[in-house]
C-alpha atoms as a PDB file:
ATOM      1  CA  MET A   1      39.086 106.129  79.657  1.00  0.00           C
ATOM      2  CA  PRO A   2      40.522 109.219  77.961  1.00  0.00           C
ATOM      3  CA  THR A   3      42.407 111.855  79.916  1.00  0.00           C
ATOM      4  CA  LEU A   4      40.479 115.124  80.064  1.00  0.00           C
ATOM      5  CA  MET A   5      42.472 118.031  78.619  1.00  0.00           C
ATOM      6  CA  LEU A   6      41.393 121.545  79.657  1.00  0.00           C
ATOM      7  CA  SER A   7      42.723 124.750  78.109  1.00  0.00           C
ATOM      8  CA  LYS A   8      43.082 128.049  79.932  1.00  0.00           C
ATOM      9  CA  LYS A   9      39.853 129.247  78.325  1.00  0.00           C
ATOM     10  CA  GLU A  10      37.964 126.145  79.442  1.00  0.00           C
ATOM     11  CA  VAL A  11      39.308 126.371  82.997  1.00  0.00           C
ATOM     12  CA  ARG A  12      38.300 130.050  83.209  1.00  0.00           C
ATOM     13  CA  ARG A  13      34.783 129.142  82.094  1.00  0.00           C
ATOM     14  CA  LEU A  14      34.466 126.359  84.686  1.00  0.00           C
ATOM     15  CA  ILE A  15      36.047 127.938  87.776  1.00  0.00           C
ATOM     16  CA  ASN A  16      34.774 130.619  90.157  1.00  0.00           C
ATOM     17  CA  ILE A  17      36.282 132.185  93.264  1.00  0.00           C
ATOM     18  CA  ARG A  18      33.463 131.178  95.649  1.00  0.00           C
ATOM     19  CA  ASP A  19      33.918 127.483  94.845  1.00  0.00           C
ATOM     20  CA  VAL A  20      37.704 127.796  95.063  1.00  0.00           C
ATOM     21  CA  ILE A  21      37.480 129.389  98.526  1.00  0.00           C
ATOM     22  CA  ASP A  22      35.182 126.582  99.725  1.00  0.00           C
ATOM     23  CA  VAL A  23      37.368 123.818  98.282  1.00  0.00           C
ATOM     24  CA  VAL A  24      40.621 125.307  99.596  1.00  0.00           C
ATOM     25  CA  GLU A  25      39.143 125.773 103.075  1.00  0.00           C
ATOM     26  CA  ALA A  26      37.904 122.150 103.088  1.00  0.00           C
ATOM     27  CA  GLY A  27      41.343 121.020 101.897  1.00  0.00           C
ATOM     28  CA  PHE A  28      43.052 122.937 104.714  1.00  0.00           C
ATOM     29  CA  LYS A  29      40.712 121.263 107.217  1.00  0.00           C
ATOM     30  CA  ASP A  30      41.374 117.788 105.806  1.00  0.00           C
ATOM     31  CA  TYR A  31      45.123 118.422 105.759  1.00  0.00           C
ATOM     32  CA  THR A  32      45.211 119.607 109.385  1.00  0.00           C
ATOM     33  CA  GLU A  33      43.278 116.478 110.354  1.00  0.00           C
ATOM     34  CA  GLY A  34      46.055 114.367 108.803  1.00  0.00           C
ATOM     35  CA  LYS A  35      43.976 113.292 105.816  1.00  0.00           C
ATOM     36  CA  GLY A  36      46.322 114.662 103.173  1.00  0.00           C
ATOM     37  CA  GLU A  37      49.907 114.992 102.164  1.00  0.00           C
ATOM     38  CA  MET A  38      51.717 117.990 100.704  1.00  0.00           C
ATOM     39  CA  PRO A  39      55.499 117.670 100.475  1.00  0.00           C
ATOM     40  CA  SER A  40      57.615 120.778 100.155  1.00  0.00           C
ATOM     41  CA  LYS A  41      57.931 122.359  96.720  1.00  0.00           C
ATOM     42  CA  VAL A  42      60.797 121.204  94.565  1.00  0.00           C
ATOM     43  CA  TYR A  43      62.548 124.029  92.686  1.00  0.00           C
ATOM     44  CA  LEU A  44      64.385 123.703  89.411  1.00  0.00           C
ATOM     45  CA  THR A  45      66.339 126.849  88.590  1.00  0.00           C
ATOM     46  CA  VAL A  46      67.114 127.672  84.970  1.00  0.00           C
ATOM     47  CA  LYS A  47      68.864 130.649  83.371  1.00  0.00           C
ATOM     48  CA  ASP A  48      65.837 132.960  83.101  1.00  0.00           C
ATOM     49  CA  GLY A  49      63.583 131.705  85.892  1.00  0.00           C
ATOM     50  CA  ASP A  50      62.504 128.614  87.750  1.00  0.00           C
ATOM     51  CA  PHE A  51      60.073 125.723  87.793  1.00  0.00           C
ATOM     52  CA  ARG A  52      58.234 124.501  90.874  1.00  0.00           C
ATOM     53  CA  ALA A  53      56.799 121.013  91.361  1.00  0.00           C
ATOM     54  CA  MET A  54      53.958 120.923  93.897  1.00  0.00           C
ATOM     55  CA  PRO A  55      52.478 117.476  94.565  1.00  0.00           C
ATOM     56  CA  ALA A  56      49.587 116.973  96.984  1.00  0.00           C
ATOM     57  CA  SER A  57      46.921 114.460  97.902  1.00  0.00           C
ATOM     58  CA  LEU A  58      43.701 114.267  99.869  1.00  0.00           C
ATOM     59  CA  PRO A  59      41.462 111.224 100.247  1.00  0.00           C
ATOM     60  CA  GLY A  60      40.515 110.058  96.754  1.00  0.00           C
ATOM     61  CA  GLU A  61      42.577 112.774  95.051  1.00  0.00           C
ATOM     62  CA  ALA A  62      46.187 113.172  93.945  1.00  0.00           C
ATOM     63  CA  GLY A  63      47.960 115.548  91.640  1.00  0.00           C
ATOM     64  CA  MET A  64      50.836 117.840  90.924  1.00  0.00           C
ATOM     65  CA  LYS A  65      51.044 121.429  89.800  1.00  0.00           C
ATOM     66  CA  TRP A  66      54.046 122.388  87.665  1.00  0.00           C
ATOM     67  CA  VAL A  67      54.595 126.148  87.809  1.00  0.00           C
ATOM     68  CA  SER A  68      57.061 128.285  85.910  1.00  0.00           C
ATOM     69  CA  VAL A  69      58.124 131.728  87.082  1.00  0.00           C
ATOM     70  CA  HIS A  70      60.044 133.760  84.525  1.00  0.00           C
ATOM     71  CA  THR A  71      60.186 137.463  85.432  1.00  0.00           C
ATOM     72  CA  GLY A  72      61.410 138.506  81.969  1.00  0.00           C
ATOM     73  CA  ASN A  73      58.355 137.104  80.210  1.00  0.00           C
ATOM     74  CA  MET A  74      56.431 140.378  80.086  1.00  0.00           C
ATOM     75  CA  ALA A  75      58.923 141.680  77.539  1.00  0.00           C
ATOM     76  CA  LYS A  76      58.153 138.572  75.450  1.00  0.00           C
ATOM     77  CA  GLY A  77      54.390 139.032  75.697  1.00  0.00           C
ATOM     78  CA  LEU A  78      54.013 136.090  78.059  1.00  0.00           C
ATOM     79  CA  PRO A  79      52.762 135.860  81.645  1.00  0.00           C
ATOM     80  CA  THR A  80      55.371 135.804  84.409  1.00  0.00           C
ATOM     81  CA  VAL A  81      53.687 132.798  86.041  1.00  0.00           C
ATOM     82  CA  MET A  82      52.314 129.848  84.068  1.00  0.00           C
ATOM     83  CA  ALA A  83      51.185 126.482  85.386  1.00  0.00           C
ATOM     84  CA  VAL A  84      49.871 123.054  84.447  1.00  0.00           C
ATOM     85  CA  LEU A  85      47.981 120.686  86.765  1.00  0.00           C
ATOM     86  CA  ILE A  86      48.003 116.915  86.427  1.00  0.00           C
ATOM     87  CA  PHE A  87      45.156 115.260  88.344  1.00  0.00           C
ATOM     88  CA  ASN A  88      45.498 111.507  88.905  1.00  0.00           C
ATOM     89  CA  ASP A  89      43.425 108.643  90.228  1.00  0.00           C
ATOM     90  CA  PRO A  90      45.348 107.807  93.424  1.00  0.00           C
ATOM     91  CA  ASP A  91      44.355 104.129  93.249  1.00  0.00           C
ATOM     92  CA  THR A  92      45.729 103.493  89.754  1.00  0.00           C
ATOM     93  CA  GLY A  93      47.894 106.515  88.944  1.00  0.00           C
ATOM     94  CA  TYR A  94      45.825 107.082  85.789  1.00  0.00           C
ATOM     95  CA  PRO A  95      45.963 110.750  84.666  1.00  0.00           C
ATOM     96  CA  LEU A  96      42.319 111.822  84.885  1.00  0.00           C
ATOM     97  CA  ALA A  97      42.956 115.392  83.723  1.00  0.00           C
ATOM     98  CA  ILE A  98      45.720 117.662  82.503  1.00  0.00           C
ATOM     99  CA  MET A  99      44.804 121.310  82.574  1.00  0.00           C
ATOM    100  CA  ASP A 100      46.141 124.801  82.353  1.00  0.00           C
ATOM    101  CA  ALA A 101      46.537 125.914  85.962  1.00  0.00           C
ATOM    102  CA  SER A 102      47.465 129.585  85.585  1.00  0.00           C
ATOM    103  CA  GLU A 103      43.966 130.727  86.609  1.00  0.00           C
ATOM    104  CA  ILE A 104      43.753 127.996  89.241  1.00  0.00           C
ATOM    105  CA  THR A 105      47.024 129.276  90.730  1.00  0.00           C
ATOM    106  CA  ALA A 106      45.795 132.872  90.871  1.00  0.00           C
ATOM    107  CA  LEU A 107      42.454 131.923  92.432  1.00  0.00           C
ATOM    108  CA  ARG A 108      43.967 129.429  94.876  1.00  0.00           C
ATOM    109  CA  THR A 109      46.421 132.044  96.114  1.00  0.00           C
ATOM    110  CA  ALA A 110      43.634 134.606  96.538  1.00  0.00           C
ATOM    111  CA  ALA A 111      41.444 132.033  98.286  1.00  0.00           C
ATOM    112  CA  THR A 112      44.221 131.278 100.754  1.00  0.00           C
ATOM    113  CA  SER A 113      44.577 134.912 101.827  1.00  0.00           C
ATOM    114  CA  THR A 114      40.791 135.293 101.986  1.00  0.00           C
ATOM    115  CA  ILE A 115      40.548 132.300 104.319  1.00  0.00           C
ATOM    116  CA  ALA A 116      43.370 133.721 106.442  1.00  0.00           C
ATOM    117  CA  SER A 117      41.511 137.029 106.642  1.00  0.00           C
ATOM    118  CA  LYS A 118      38.323 135.203 107.679  1.00  0.00           C
ATOM    119  CA  TYR A 119      40.039 133.682 110.700  1.00  0.00           C
ATOM    120  CA  LEU A 120      42.768 136.189 111.531  1.00  0.00           C
ATOM    121  CA  ALA A 121      41.397 139.660 110.766  1.00  0.00           C
ATOM    122  CA  ARG A 122      40.298 141.850 113.631  1.00  0.00           C
ATOM    123  CA  LYS A 123      36.562 141.500 114.255  1.00  0.00           C
ATOM    124  CA  GLY A 124      34.688 144.243 112.379  1.00  0.00           C
ATOM    125  CA  ALA A 125      37.642 145.040 110.088  1.00  0.00           C
ATOM    126  CA  GLY A 126      36.498 146.833 106.963  1.00  0.00           C
ATOM    127  CA  THR A 127      39.733 147.728 105.197  1.00  0.00           C
ATOM    128  CA  LEU A 128      41.926 145.538 103.022  1.00  0.00           C
ATOM    129  CA  GLY A 129      45.478 146.476 102.097  1.00  0.00           C
ATOM    130  CA  ILE A 130      46.896 145.114  98.839  1.00  0.00           C
ATOM    131  CA  ILE A 131      50.563 145.471  97.967  1.00  0.00           C
ATOM    132  CA  GLY A 132      51.023 145.416  94.219  1.00  0.00           C
ATOM    133  CA  SER A 133      48.616 145.952  91.359  1.00  0.00           C
ATOM    134  CA  GLY A 134      49.020 142.946  89.089  1.00  0.00           C
ATOM    135  CA  TYR A 135      46.973 139.891  88.303  1.00  0.00           C
ATOM    136  CA  GLN A 136      47.175 138.564  91.847  1.00  0.00           C
ATOM    137  CA  ALA A 137      45.963 141.864  93.327  1.00  0.00           C
ATOM    138  CA  TYR A 138      42.846 141.740  91.172  1.00  0.00           C
ATOM    139  CA  HIS A 139      41.986 138.233  92.343  1.00  0.00           C
ATOM    140  CA  HIS A 140      42.736 139.018  95.992  1.00  0.00           C
ATOM    141  CA  ILE A 141      40.318 141.955  95.923  1.00  0.00           C
ATOM    142  CA  LYS A 142      37.666 139.927  94.105  1.00  0.00           C
ATOM    143  CA  ALA A 143      38.031 137.026  96.566  1.00  0.00           C
ATOM    144  CA  HIS A 144      37.769 139.259  99.620  1.00  0.00           C
ATOM    145  CA  CYS A 145      34.625 140.867  98.257  1.00  0.00           C
END
């Protein structure tokens, strides 16, 4: 069975914020019910930034996101945050998919704050405050809408 390889363009075409919100909320529920595992991030610091390893599993699913954060990248024409996701069969360890996870990271982060707003915002709240104006801000606004 070949490993599925997905580029950033392909991931963008396949993913949407509504589905991400639903999947993240279901994942939070499963995790709080003890059905998953998510160890703390592991950081690897290098001269111009850092890398973050983020493994997690839920029933029938396992994977790891490898994220780089390099704040000087804008001057090089590169994004500050880039990521790759490796999705494995938990029964065999076989890598089912390797994909660009930059868009997944942005949408997952926005989904998380949207879910928090759903449960924690004052009833009837109609105003959203966003600090910052970058890529994440765009996705947070879109997700809350």
